[in-house]
């Protein structure tokens, strides 16, 4: 498996500085700043990028698990809310809330929930975030 790359450049001090992040594939490049990370400023931030990675990984893991069991999903949509909080020893990502809605023909609620939980545990990004509380709200679209 290839190693995936991304890079970031930060110029200046914490509050008055600015940065840019770029994915190695070239699919995304954007600005980030103190305001975009700790306030409501324009640009992205590391937590938002982690959220995108987690939502994408989880959606693929759920789809793969369902398909392996004979349930081919039509659609899996996941939103990840990544919480950055101040702790005694500095800032930390304390929680990720995954909210997913899936359209899966022929599956019952219990089987879907089992697959949803398995995907949460098995997704590589979830594993990378093992020290973070990951909460899941998974629903079937009807």
C-alpha atoms as a PDB file:
ATOM      1  CA  UNK A   1       0.000   0.000   0.000  1.00  0.00           C
ATOM      2  CA  UNK A   2       1.334   3.452  -0.813  1.00  0.00           C
ATOM      3  CA  UNK A   3       2.026   5.996   1.910  1.00  0.00           C
ATOM      4  CA  UNK A   4      -0.311   8.974   1.554  1.00  0.00           C
ATOM      5  CA  UNK A   5       1.136  12.454   1.837  1.00  0.00           C
ATOM      6  CA  UNK A   6       0.021  15.894   2.852  1.00  0.00           C
ATOM      7  CA  UNK A   7       1.977  18.950   3.843  1.00  0.00           C
ATOM      8  CA  UNK A   8       1.479  22.165   5.737  1.00  0.00           C
ATOM      9  CA  UNK A   9       3.362  25.437   5.989  1.00  0.00           C
ATOM     10  CA  UNK A  10       2.845  27.904   8.841  1.00  0.00           C
ATOM     11  CA  UNK A  11       4.252  31.429   8.692  1.00  0.00           C
ATOM     12  CA  UNK A  12       4.325  33.770  11.665  1.00  0.00           C
ATOM     13  CA  UNK A  13       3.199  33.538  15.254  1.00  0.00           C
ATOM     14  CA  UNK A  14       0.262  31.556  16.544  1.00  0.00           C
ATOM     15  CA  UNK A  15      -2.404  34.267  16.505  1.00  0.00           C
ATOM     16  CA  UNK A  16      -1.130  36.481  13.690  1.00  0.00           C
ATOM     17  CA  UNK A  17       0.283  33.731  11.483  1.00  0.00           C
ATOM     18  CA  UNK A  18      -1.241  31.921   8.563  1.00  0.00           C
ATOM     19  CA  UNK A  19      -0.834  28.560   6.957  1.00  0.00           C
ATOM     20  CA  UNK A  20      -1.633  26.421   3.950  1.00  0.00           C
ATOM     21  CA  UNK A  21      -2.306  22.715   3.763  1.00  0.00           C
ATOM     22  CA  UNK A  22      -2.048  20.655   0.617  1.00  0.00           C
ATOM     23  CA  UNK A  23      -2.920  17.057  -0.108  1.00  0.00           C
ATOM     24  CA  UNK A  24      -0.251  15.065  -1.920  1.00  0.00           C
ATOM     25  CA  UNK A  25      -2.758  14.073  -4.615  1.00  0.00           C
ATOM     26  CA  UNK A  26      -3.387  17.731  -5.400  1.00  0.00           C
ATOM     27  CA  UNK A  27      -7.118  17.255  -4.805  1.00  0.00           C
ATOM     28  CA  UNK A  28      -7.189  19.975  -2.142  1.00  0.00           C
ATOM     29  CA  UNK A  29      -5.126  22.953  -1.078  1.00  0.00           C
ATOM     30  CA  UNK A  30      -6.327  25.595   1.331  1.00  0.00           C
ATOM     31  CA  UNK A  31      -5.596  28.155   3.973  1.00  0.00           C
ATOM     32  CA  UNK A  32      -5.840  27.785   7.734  1.00  0.00           C
ATOM     33  CA  UNK A  33      -5.307  30.189  10.599  1.00  0.00           C
ATOM     34  CA  UNK A  34      -5.786  30.695  14.307  1.00  0.00           C
ATOM     35  CA  UNK A  35      -9.258  32.084  13.546  1.00  0.00           C
ATOM     36  CA  UNK A  36     -10.257  29.108  11.363  1.00  0.00           C
ATOM     37  CA  UNK A  37      -9.151  26.694  14.052  1.00  0.00           C
ATOM     38  CA  UNK A  38     -10.172  28.286  17.345  1.00  0.00           C
ATOM     39  CA  UNK A  39     -12.880  30.716  16.221  1.00  0.00           C
ATOM     40  CA  UNK A  40     -15.181  30.909  13.177  1.00  0.00           C
ATOM     41  CA  UNK A  41     -12.677  32.316  10.685  1.00  0.00           C
ATOM     42  CA  UNK A  42     -12.387  31.510   7.000  1.00  0.00           C
ATOM     43  CA  UNK A  43     -10.340  28.488   5.966  1.00  0.00           C
ATOM     44  CA  UNK A  44      -9.923  24.925   7.098  1.00  0.00           C
ATOM     45  CA  UNK A  45      -8.283  23.433  10.177  1.00  0.00           C
ATOM     46  CA  UNK A  46      -6.702  20.124  11.206  1.00  0.00           C
ATOM     47  CA  UNK A  47      -9.849  18.938  13.001  1.00  0.00           C
ATOM     48  CA  UNK A  48     -12.022  19.519   9.932  1.00  0.00           C
ATOM     49  CA  UNK A  49      -9.577  17.534   7.825  1.00  0.00           C
ATOM     50  CA  UNK A  50      -9.586  14.708  10.387  1.00  0.00           C
ATOM     51  CA  UNK A  51     -13.388  14.792  10.239  1.00  0.00           C
ATOM     52  CA  UNK A  52     -13.372  14.486   6.453  1.00  0.00           C
ATOM     53  CA  UNK A  53     -10.937  11.584   6.645  1.00  0.00           C
ATOM     54  CA  UNK A  54     -12.990   9.831   9.323  1.00  0.00           C
ATOM     55  CA  UNK A  55     -16.325  10.317   7.521  1.00  0.00           C
ATOM     56  CA  UNK A  56     -14.852   9.015   4.267  1.00  0.00           C
ATOM     57  CA  UNK A  57     -13.138   6.046   5.901  1.00  0.00           C
ATOM     58  CA  UNK A  58     -16.212   5.100   7.919  1.00  0.00           C
ATOM     59  CA  UNK A  59     -18.542   5.307   4.915  1.00  0.00           C
ATOM     60  CA  UNK A  60     -16.260   3.043   2.887  1.00  0.00           C
ATOM     61  CA  UNK A  61     -15.806   0.573   5.772  1.00  0.00           C
ATOM     62  CA  UNK A  62     -19.564   0.319   6.317  1.00  0.00           C
ATOM     63  CA  UNK A  63     -20.198  -0.143   2.604  1.00  0.00           C
ATOM     64  CA  UNK A  64     -17.526  -2.853   2.382  1.00  0.00           C
ATOM     65  CA  UNK A  65     -18.852  -4.758   5.384  1.00  0.00           C
ATOM     66  CA  UNK A  66     -22.424  -4.626   4.137  1.00  0.00           C
ATOM     67  CA  UNK A  67     -21.462  -5.752   0.637  1.00  0.00           C
ATOM     68  CA  UNK A  68     -19.353  -8.609   1.997  1.00  0.00           C
ATOM     69  CA  UNK A  69     -22.468  -9.853   3.818  1.00  0.00           C
ATOM     70  CA  UNK A  70     -24.629  -9.673   0.701  1.00  0.00           C
ATOM     71  CA  UNK A  71     -26.211  -6.238   1.257  1.00  0.00           C
ATOM     72  CA  UNK A  72     -25.145  -3.808  -1.444  1.00  0.00           C
ATOM     73  CA  UNK A  73     -25.774  -0.281  -0.183  1.00  0.00           C
ATOM     74  CA  UNK A  74     -27.134   2.335  -2.557  1.00  0.00           C
ATOM     75  CA  UNK A  75     -25.760   5.206  -0.479  1.00  0.00           C
ATOM     76  CA  UNK A  76     -23.896   5.843   2.765  1.00  0.00           C
ATOM     77  CA  UNK A  77     -23.644   9.451   3.947  1.00  0.00           C
ATOM     78  CA  UNK A  78     -21.597  10.252   7.049  1.00  0.00           C
ATOM     79  CA  UNK A  79     -20.911  13.481   8.885  1.00  0.00           C
ATOM     80  CA  UNK A  80     -18.129  13.653  11.469  1.00  0.00           C
ATOM     81  CA  UNK A  81     -18.115  16.310  14.163  1.00  0.00           C
ATOM     82  CA  UNK A  82     -14.672  16.620  15.697  1.00  0.00           C
ATOM     83  CA  UNK A  83     -14.513  18.326  19.091  1.00  0.00           C
ATOM     84  CA  UNK A  84     -11.354  20.221  20.051  1.00  0.00           C
ATOM     85  CA  UNK A  85     -11.331  21.115  23.740  1.00  0.00           C
ATOM     86  CA  UNK A  86      -8.954  22.773  26.135  1.00  0.00           C
ATOM     87  CA  UNK A  87      -7.648  20.407  28.800  1.00  0.00           C
ATOM     88  CA  UNK A  88      -5.299  20.971  31.728  1.00  0.00           C
ATOM     89  CA  UNK A  89      -2.307  19.960  29.599  1.00  0.00           C
ATOM     90  CA  UNK A  90      -3.344  21.866  26.442  1.00  0.00           C
ATOM     91  CA  UNK A  91      -5.795  21.270  23.641  1.00  0.00           C
ATOM     92  CA  UNK A  92      -6.973  17.814  22.619  1.00  0.00           C
ATOM     93  CA  UNK A  93      -9.480  16.154  20.347  1.00  0.00           C
ATOM     94  CA  UNK A  94     -11.884  14.824  22.945  1.00  0.00           C
ATOM     95  CA  UNK A  95     -14.696  13.369  20.872  1.00  0.00           C
ATOM     96  CA  UNK A  96     -15.796  12.511  17.357  1.00  0.00           C
ATOM     97  CA  UNK A  97     -19.494  12.149  16.627  1.00  0.00           C
ATOM     98  CA  UNK A  98     -20.247  10.116  13.513  1.00  0.00           C
ATOM     99  CA  UNK A  99     -23.729  10.517  12.088  1.00  0.00           C
ATOM    100  CA  UNK A 100     -24.508   8.241   9.184  1.00  0.00           C
ATOM    101  CA  UNK A 101     -27.571   7.556   7.106  1.00  0.00           C
ATOM    102  CA  UNK A 102     -27.489   4.573   4.765  1.00  0.00           C
ATOM    103  CA  UNK A 103     -29.811   3.299   2.103  1.00  0.00           C
ATOM    104  CA  UNK A 104     -29.413  -0.487   2.131  1.00  0.00           C
ATOM    105  CA  UNK A 105     -32.059  -2.609   0.404  1.00  0.00           C
ATOM    106  CA  UNK A 106     -33.121  -5.827   2.139  1.00  0.00           C
ATOM    107  CA  UNK A 107     -31.413  -5.336   5.508  1.00  0.00           C
ATOM    108  CA  UNK A 108     -33.163  -5.285   8.873  1.00  0.00           C
ATOM    109  CA  UNK A 109     -32.427  -2.777  11.624  1.00  0.00           C
ATOM    110  CA  UNK A 110     -30.487  -5.143  13.887  1.00  0.00           C
ATOM    111  CA  UNK A 111     -28.179  -6.391  11.123  1.00  0.00           C
ATOM    112  CA  UNK A 112     -27.585  -2.814  10.012  1.00  0.00           C
ATOM    113  CA  UNK A 113     -26.655  -1.708  13.542  1.00  0.00           C
ATOM    114  CA  UNK A 114     -24.210  -4.608  13.877  1.00  0.00           C
ATOM    115  CA  UNK A 115     -22.529  -3.622  10.611  1.00  0.00           C
ATOM    116  CA  UNK A 116     -22.478   0.044  11.622  1.00  0.00           C
ATOM    117  CA  UNK A 117     -20.727  -0.739  14.926  1.00  0.00           C
ATOM    118  CA  UNK A 118     -18.278  -3.106  13.238  1.00  0.00           C
ATOM    119  CA  UNK A 119     -17.363  -0.389  10.731  1.00  0.00           C
ATOM    120  CA  UNK A 120     -16.780   2.089  13.565  1.00  0.00           C
ATOM    121  CA  UNK A 121     -14.337  -0.326  15.205  1.00  0.00           C
ATOM    122  CA  UNK A 122     -12.691  -1.517  11.991  1.00  0.00           C
ATOM    123  CA  UNK A 123     -12.227   1.718  10.051  1.00  0.00           C
ATOM    124  CA  UNK A 124      -8.475   2.553   9.945  1.00  0.00           C
ATOM    125  CA  UNK A 125      -9.113   6.175  10.933  1.00  0.00           C
ATOM    126  CA  UNK A 126     -11.148   5.031  13.957  1.00  0.00           C
ATOM    127  CA  UNK A 127      -8.218   2.816  14.912  1.00  0.00           C
ATOM    128  CA  UNK A 128      -5.828   5.764  14.538  1.00  0.00           C
ATOM    129  CA  UNK A 129      -8.090   7.769  16.855  1.00  0.00           C
ATOM    130  CA  UNK A 130      -8.265   5.005  19.466  1.00  0.00           C
ATOM    131  CA  UNK A 131      -7.650   7.470  22.311  1.00  0.00           C
ATOM    132  CA  UNK A 132     -10.687   9.542  21.351  1.00  0.00           C
ATOM    133  CA  UNK A 133     -14.313   8.925  22.345  1.00  0.00           C
ATOM    134  CA  UNK A 134     -16.039   7.998  19.065  1.00  0.00           C
ATOM    135  CA  UNK A 135     -19.820   8.134  19.177  1.00  0.00           C
ATOM    136  CA  UNK A 136     -22.061   6.736  16.446  1.00  0.00           C
ATOM    137  CA  UNK A 137     -25.588   7.591  15.392  1.00  0.00           C
ATOM    138  CA  UNK A 138     -26.397   5.277  12.456  1.00  0.00           C
ATOM    139  CA  UNK A 139     -29.773   5.247  10.756  1.00  0.00           C
ATOM    140  CA  UNK A 140     -31.311   3.387   7.864  1.00  0.00           C
ATOM    141  CA  UNK A 141     -32.982   5.532   5.224  1.00  0.00           C
ATOM    142  CA  UNK A 142     -36.431   4.225   4.394  1.00  0.00           C
END
